[in-house]
N, C-alpha and C. Protein backbone atom coordinates (compact mmCIF):
# COMPACT_ATOMS: atom_id res chain seq x y z
N MET A 1 -2.71 -15.40 59.51
CA MET A 1 -1.62 -15.58 60.45
C MET A 1 -2.10 -16.29 61.71
N LEU A 2 -3.27 -15.88 62.22
CA LEU A 2 -3.78 -16.52 63.43
C LEU A 2 -4.16 -17.97 63.18
N ASP A 3 -4.67 -18.25 61.97
CA ASP A 3 -5.03 -19.64 61.67
C ASP A 3 -3.79 -20.53 61.72
N ASP A 4 -2.68 -20.03 61.18
CA ASP A 4 -1.43 -20.79 61.18
C ASP A 4 -0.86 -20.92 62.59
N ARG A 5 -0.65 -19.79 63.26
CA ARG A 5 -0.06 -19.83 64.60
C ARG A 5 -1.05 -20.35 65.64
N GLY A 6 -2.31 -20.04 65.43
CA GLY A 6 -3.32 -20.50 66.37
C GLY A 6 -3.38 -22.01 66.47
N SER A 7 -3.26 -22.69 65.33
CA SER A 7 -3.30 -24.15 65.37
C SER A 7 -2.05 -24.70 66.08
N ARG A 8 -0.91 -24.02 65.93
CA ARG A 8 0.29 -24.46 66.66
C ARG A 8 0.15 -24.17 68.15
N MET A 9 -0.54 -23.08 68.49
CA MET A 9 -0.79 -22.79 69.91
C MET A 9 -1.68 -23.85 70.52
N ILE A 10 -2.76 -24.18 69.81
CA ILE A 10 -3.69 -25.19 70.31
C ILE A 10 -2.98 -26.53 70.47
N GLY A 11 -2.13 -26.88 69.49
CA GLY A 11 -1.40 -28.14 69.56
C GLY A 11 -0.14 -28.07 70.41
N ARG A 12 0.18 -26.87 70.93
CA ARG A 12 1.36 -26.64 71.75
C ARG A 12 2.61 -27.15 71.04
N GLU A 13 2.73 -26.79 69.76
CA GLU A 13 3.85 -27.21 68.92
C GLU A 13 4.87 -26.08 68.84
N PHE A 14 5.56 -25.81 69.93
CA PHE A 14 6.47 -24.67 69.99
C PHE A 14 7.89 -25.03 69.55
N GLY A 15 8.22 -26.32 69.52
CA GLY A 15 9.57 -26.75 69.17
C GLY A 15 9.80 -26.81 67.68
N ALA A 16 8.74 -27.05 66.89
CA ALA A 16 8.87 -27.11 65.43
C ALA A 16 8.87 -25.67 64.91
N VAL A 17 10.05 -25.09 64.78
CA VAL A 17 10.17 -23.66 64.49
C VAL A 17 9.90 -23.35 63.03
N LYS A 18 8.85 -22.56 62.80
CA LYS A 18 8.59 -22.01 61.47
C LYS A 18 9.07 -20.57 61.42
N SER A 19 8.94 -19.87 62.53
CA SER A 19 9.43 -18.50 62.66
C SER A 19 9.78 -18.29 64.13
N ALA A 20 11.05 -18.06 64.40
CA ALA A 20 11.51 -17.95 65.79
C ALA A 20 11.00 -16.68 66.45
N LEU A 21 10.71 -16.79 67.73
CA LEU A 21 10.25 -15.66 68.52
C LEU A 21 11.27 -14.52 68.47
N ASP A 22 12.57 -14.84 68.44
CA ASP A 22 13.61 -13.82 68.37
C ASP A 22 13.50 -12.94 67.12
N ILE A 23 12.93 -13.47 66.04
CA ILE A 23 12.74 -12.67 64.83
C ILE A 23 11.78 -11.51 65.10
N PHE A 24 10.71 -11.79 65.89
CA PHE A 24 9.78 -10.72 66.26
C PHE A 24 10.47 -9.69 67.14
N VAL A 25 11.33 -10.14 68.04
CA VAL A 25 12.07 -9.22 68.90
C VAL A 25 12.90 -8.27 68.02
N LYS A 26 13.61 -8.84 67.04
CA LYS A 26 14.44 -8.02 66.15
C LYS A 26 13.58 -7.07 65.32
N ASP A 27 12.56 -7.62 64.65
CA ASP A 27 11.75 -6.80 63.74
C ASP A 27 10.97 -5.71 64.48
N LEU A 28 10.36 -6.06 65.60
CA LEU A 28 9.61 -5.05 66.35
C LEU A 28 10.54 -4.03 66.99
N GLY A 29 11.75 -4.45 67.32
CA GLY A 29 12.75 -3.49 67.81
C GLY A 29 13.08 -2.46 66.74
N LEU A 30 13.23 -2.92 65.49
CA LEU A 30 13.48 -1.99 64.38
C LEU A 30 12.30 -1.05 64.17
N VAL A 31 11.09 -1.60 64.23
CA VAL A 31 9.87 -0.79 64.04
C VAL A 31 9.77 0.28 65.12
N THR A 32 9.93 -0.13 66.38
CA THR A 32 9.74 0.83 67.48
C THR A 32 10.86 1.88 67.50
N SER A 33 12.10 1.50 67.19
CA SER A 33 13.16 2.51 67.19
C SER A 33 13.01 3.46 66.00
N SER A 34 12.57 2.97 64.85
CA SER A 34 12.32 3.85 63.70
C SER A 34 11.17 4.80 64.00
N ALA A 35 10.13 4.28 64.62
CA ALA A 35 8.99 5.13 64.99
C ALA A 35 9.42 6.20 65.99
N ALA A 36 10.21 5.82 66.97
CA ALA A 36 10.67 6.78 67.98
C ALA A 36 11.53 7.87 67.33
N ALA A 37 12.35 7.49 66.35
CA ALA A 37 13.19 8.47 65.66
C ALA A 37 12.36 9.52 64.93
N GLN A 38 11.16 9.12 64.52
CA GLN A 38 10.25 10.04 63.83
C GLN A 38 9.25 10.69 64.79
N ARG A 39 9.42 10.41 66.09
CA ARG A 39 8.50 10.91 67.12
C ARG A 39 7.07 10.42 66.88
N PHE A 40 6.98 9.18 66.40
CA PHE A 40 5.68 8.55 66.15
C PHE A 40 5.39 7.56 67.27
N PRO A 41 4.26 7.68 67.95
CA PRO A 41 3.95 6.79 69.07
C PRO A 41 3.36 5.45 68.59
N ALA A 42 4.20 4.52 68.28
CA ALA A 42 3.76 3.20 67.81
C ALA A 42 3.45 2.33 69.03
N THR A 43 2.38 2.67 69.72
CA THR A 43 2.10 2.04 71.01
C THR A 43 1.79 0.55 70.90
N MET A 44 1.07 0.13 69.87
CA MET A 44 0.76 -1.30 69.74
C MET A 44 2.02 -2.10 69.44
N ALA A 45 2.88 -1.55 68.58
CA ALA A 45 4.14 -2.24 68.27
C ALA A 45 5.03 -2.31 69.51
N ALA A 46 5.06 -1.23 70.30
CA ALA A 46 5.87 -1.23 71.52
C ALA A 46 5.36 -2.24 72.53
N THR A 47 4.04 -2.35 72.65
CA THR A 47 3.47 -3.34 73.57
C THR A 47 3.78 -4.75 73.11
N ALA A 48 3.60 -5.01 71.82
CA ALA A 48 3.91 -6.34 71.27
C ALA A 48 5.39 -6.64 71.47
N ASN A 49 6.25 -5.66 71.24
CA ASN A 49 7.68 -5.85 71.42
C ASN A 49 7.99 -6.24 72.87
N SER A 50 7.35 -5.58 73.82
CA SER A 50 7.57 -5.90 75.23
C SER A 50 7.18 -7.35 75.53
N LEU A 51 6.08 -7.81 74.97
CA LEU A 51 5.64 -9.19 75.20
C LEU A 51 6.62 -10.19 74.60
N PHE A 52 7.10 -9.91 73.39
CA PHE A 52 8.07 -10.82 72.78
C PHE A 52 9.40 -10.77 73.52
N LEU A 53 9.78 -9.60 74.04
CA LEU A 53 10.99 -9.51 74.87
C LEU A 53 10.84 -10.36 76.13
N MET A 54 9.65 -10.36 76.72
CA MET A 54 9.40 -11.22 77.89
C MET A 54 9.62 -12.68 77.51
N GLY A 55 9.09 -13.07 76.35
CA GLY A 55 9.27 -14.45 75.90
C GLY A 55 10.73 -14.80 75.71
N ALA A 56 11.50 -13.88 75.13
CA ALA A 56 12.93 -14.12 74.95
C ALA A 56 13.63 -14.22 76.30
N ALA A 57 13.25 -13.35 77.25
CA ALA A 57 13.85 -13.39 78.58
C ALA A 57 13.53 -14.68 79.32
N LEU A 58 12.40 -15.28 79.00
CA LEU A 58 12.01 -16.55 79.61
C LEU A 58 12.67 -17.75 78.93
N GLY A 59 13.45 -17.49 77.88
CA GLY A 59 14.17 -18.56 77.20
C GLY A 59 13.47 -19.14 75.99
N TYR A 60 12.44 -18.46 75.47
CA TYR A 60 11.67 -18.98 74.34
C TYR A 60 12.12 -18.41 73.00
N GLY A 61 13.18 -17.60 72.98
CA GLY A 61 13.60 -16.89 71.78
C GLY A 61 13.89 -17.76 70.58
N GLY A 62 14.49 -18.92 70.78
CA GLY A 62 14.83 -19.80 69.68
C GLY A 62 13.71 -20.72 69.27
N GLU A 63 12.60 -20.65 69.98
CA GLU A 63 11.46 -21.52 69.67
C GLU A 63 10.47 -20.80 68.77
N ASP A 64 9.45 -21.51 68.33
CA ASP A 64 8.44 -20.95 67.43
C ASP A 64 7.74 -19.77 68.09
N ASP A 65 7.43 -18.75 67.29
CA ASP A 65 6.80 -17.55 67.84
C ASP A 65 5.40 -17.80 68.40
N SER A 66 4.78 -18.91 68.05
CA SER A 66 3.47 -19.24 68.64
C SER A 66 3.60 -19.51 70.14
N GLY A 67 4.83 -19.73 70.60
CA GLY A 67 5.08 -19.95 72.02
C GLY A 67 4.86 -18.70 72.86
N ILE A 68 4.54 -17.58 72.23
CA ILE A 68 4.19 -16.37 72.97
C ILE A 68 3.00 -16.66 73.89
N LEU A 69 2.24 -17.68 73.54
CA LEU A 69 1.12 -18.10 74.38
C LEU A 69 1.58 -18.37 75.81
N ARG A 70 2.77 -18.94 75.97
CA ARG A 70 3.27 -19.26 77.31
C ARG A 70 3.55 -18.01 78.14
N VAL A 71 3.88 -16.91 77.48
CA VAL A 71 4.07 -15.65 78.20
C VAL A 71 2.75 -15.24 78.85
N PHE A 72 1.67 -15.32 78.09
CA PHE A 72 0.35 -14.98 78.64
C PHE A 72 -0.05 -15.95 79.74
N GLU A 73 0.26 -17.22 79.56
CA GLU A 73 -0.07 -18.21 80.60
C GLU A 73 0.67 -17.91 81.89
N GLN A 74 1.94 -17.56 81.79
CA GLN A 74 2.71 -17.25 83.00
C GLN A 74 2.28 -15.92 83.59
N TRP A 75 1.97 -14.97 82.75
CA TRP A 75 1.56 -13.64 83.20
C TRP A 75 0.24 -13.71 83.96
N THR A 76 -0.69 -14.52 83.47
CA THR A 76 -2.00 -14.62 84.11
C THR A 76 -2.07 -15.76 85.13
N ALA A 77 -1.00 -16.54 85.23
CA ALA A 77 -0.93 -17.68 86.16
C ALA A 77 -2.06 -18.67 85.92
N ARG A 78 -2.41 -18.86 84.66
CA ARG A 78 -3.42 -19.87 84.31
C ARG A 78 -3.18 -20.35 82.89
N PRO A 79 -3.50 -21.60 82.63
CA PRO A 79 -3.27 -22.13 81.29
C PRO A 79 -4.27 -21.56 80.30
N ALA A 80 -3.88 -21.58 79.03
CA ALA A 80 -4.82 -21.17 77.99
C ALA A 80 -6.00 -22.13 78.00
N ALA A 81 -7.15 -21.63 77.60
CA ALA A 81 -8.36 -22.46 77.59
C ALA A 81 -8.14 -23.66 76.69
N GLU A 82 -8.52 -24.80 77.18
CA GLU A 82 -8.38 -26.02 76.40
C GLU A 82 -9.73 -26.44 75.87
N THR A 83 -9.78 -26.76 74.60
CA THR A 83 -11.00 -27.23 73.98
C THR A 83 -10.67 -28.55 73.30
N PRO A 84 -11.05 -29.69 73.92
CA PRO A 84 -10.71 -30.99 73.34
C PRO A 84 -11.20 -31.12 71.90
N GLY A 85 -10.32 -31.59 71.04
CA GLY A 85 -10.68 -31.84 69.66
C GLY A 85 -10.62 -30.61 68.77
N ARG A 86 -10.40 -29.44 69.32
CA ARG A 86 -10.38 -28.23 68.51
C ARG A 86 -9.03 -28.12 67.81
N THR A 87 -9.05 -27.88 66.51
CA THR A 87 -7.81 -27.78 65.74
C THR A 87 -7.69 -26.46 65.00
N SER A 88 -8.64 -25.55 65.22
CA SER A 88 -8.61 -24.27 64.52
C SER A 88 -9.03 -23.16 65.47
N CYS A 89 -8.60 -21.96 65.17
CA CYS A 89 -8.99 -20.79 65.97
C CYS A 89 -10.17 -20.07 65.36
N ARG A 90 -10.75 -20.62 64.32
CA ARG A 90 -11.88 -19.95 63.68
C ARG A 90 -13.16 -20.23 64.46
N GLY A 91 -14.07 -19.28 64.40
CA GLY A 91 -15.36 -19.46 65.05
C GLY A 91 -15.38 -18.86 66.44
N PRO A 92 -16.58 -18.78 67.02
CA PRO A 92 -16.72 -18.17 68.35
C PRO A 92 -16.11 -19.06 69.42
N PRO A 93 -15.77 -18.46 70.57
CA PRO A 93 -15.24 -19.27 71.66
C PRO A 93 -16.27 -20.31 72.10
N THR A 94 -15.78 -21.45 72.51
CA THR A 94 -16.69 -22.52 72.91
C THR A 94 -16.84 -22.60 74.43
N HIS A 95 -16.25 -21.67 75.15
CA HIS A 95 -16.37 -21.68 76.60
C HIS A 95 -17.00 -20.36 77.05
N PRO A 96 -17.69 -20.36 78.18
CA PRO A 96 -18.32 -19.12 78.65
C PRO A 96 -17.26 -18.15 79.11
N PRO A 97 -17.57 -16.84 79.07
CA PRO A 97 -16.59 -15.86 79.54
C PRO A 97 -16.39 -15.97 81.04
N ASP A 98 -15.24 -15.51 81.50
CA ASP A 98 -14.97 -15.50 82.93
C ASP A 98 -15.95 -14.57 83.63
N PRO A 99 -16.36 -14.92 84.85
CA PRO A 99 -17.25 -14.01 85.59
C PRO A 99 -16.48 -12.76 85.98
N PRO A 100 -17.19 -11.65 86.24
CA PRO A 100 -16.49 -10.43 86.65
C PRO A 100 -15.72 -10.65 87.93
N ARG A 101 -14.56 -10.04 88.02
CA ARG A 101 -13.74 -10.18 89.23
C ARG A 101 -14.33 -9.35 90.35
N GLN A 102 -14.33 -9.91 91.54
CA GLN A 102 -14.86 -9.23 92.71
C GLN A 102 -13.78 -8.57 93.55
N ASP A 103 -12.51 -8.88 93.22
CA ASP A 103 -11.42 -8.39 94.05
C ASP A 103 -10.83 -7.06 93.57
N LEU A 104 -11.43 -6.46 92.54
CA LEU A 104 -10.92 -5.19 92.04
C LEU A 104 -11.53 -4.03 92.80
N ASP A 105 -10.73 -3.04 93.06
CA ASP A 105 -11.22 -1.84 93.74
C ASP A 105 -12.05 -1.03 92.75
N PRO A 106 -13.35 -0.85 93.00
CA PRO A 106 -14.20 -0.13 92.05
C PRO A 106 -13.78 1.33 91.87
N ASN A 107 -13.04 1.88 92.83
CA ASN A 107 -12.60 3.27 92.71
C ASN A 107 -11.51 3.44 91.66
N LEU A 108 -10.92 2.32 91.22
CA LEU A 108 -9.90 2.39 90.18
C LEU A 108 -10.51 2.41 88.78
N LEU A 109 -11.79 2.10 88.68
CA LEU A 109 -12.47 2.10 87.40
C LEU A 109 -12.88 3.51 87.02
N PRO A 110 -12.99 3.81 85.73
CA PRO A 110 -13.52 5.12 85.33
C PRO A 110 -14.93 5.29 85.90
N ARG A 111 -15.31 6.50 86.18
CA ARG A 111 -16.63 6.77 86.79
C ARG A 111 -17.76 6.15 85.98
N SER A 112 -17.64 6.15 84.67
CA SER A 112 -18.71 5.60 83.83
C SER A 112 -18.87 4.09 84.00
N ARG A 113 -17.86 3.39 84.53
CA ARG A 113 -17.93 1.94 84.68
C ARG A 113 -18.21 1.49 86.12
N ARG A 114 -18.27 2.44 87.03
CA ARG A 114 -18.50 2.09 88.44
C ARG A 114 -19.95 1.74 88.67
N ARG A 115 -20.17 0.74 89.48
CA ARG A 115 -21.53 0.38 89.89
C ARG A 115 -21.87 1.11 91.18
N THR A 116 -23.06 1.63 91.22
CA THR A 116 -23.47 2.28 92.46
C THR A 116 -24.33 1.30 93.24
N PRO A 117 -24.11 1.20 94.57
CA PRO A 117 -24.88 0.23 95.35
C PRO A 117 -26.33 0.58 95.47
């Protein structure tokens, strides 16, 4: 699935609809409401549903579901990493990881992750 959608994400081919984002909204809505009826905490499905709902609210519902990438881009206020010439999502990332953020309050981290001066 990632190989198929990943290549459309890399190519930013959101207009050529193979599977509309609204289909995920419908299907994940059915999954989460069925899970809730059984008192089952389908937390990953609920989180995914929220992200696809954001995409629909932004007007991407009728476009290809690979356009969910734009939700992350808007949410993080930065474009997805660009790798010239890359046409597949297979293999390790070709860019270095982001440096640790310095603007986070260390007191918000769990005690096991806090650095002591």
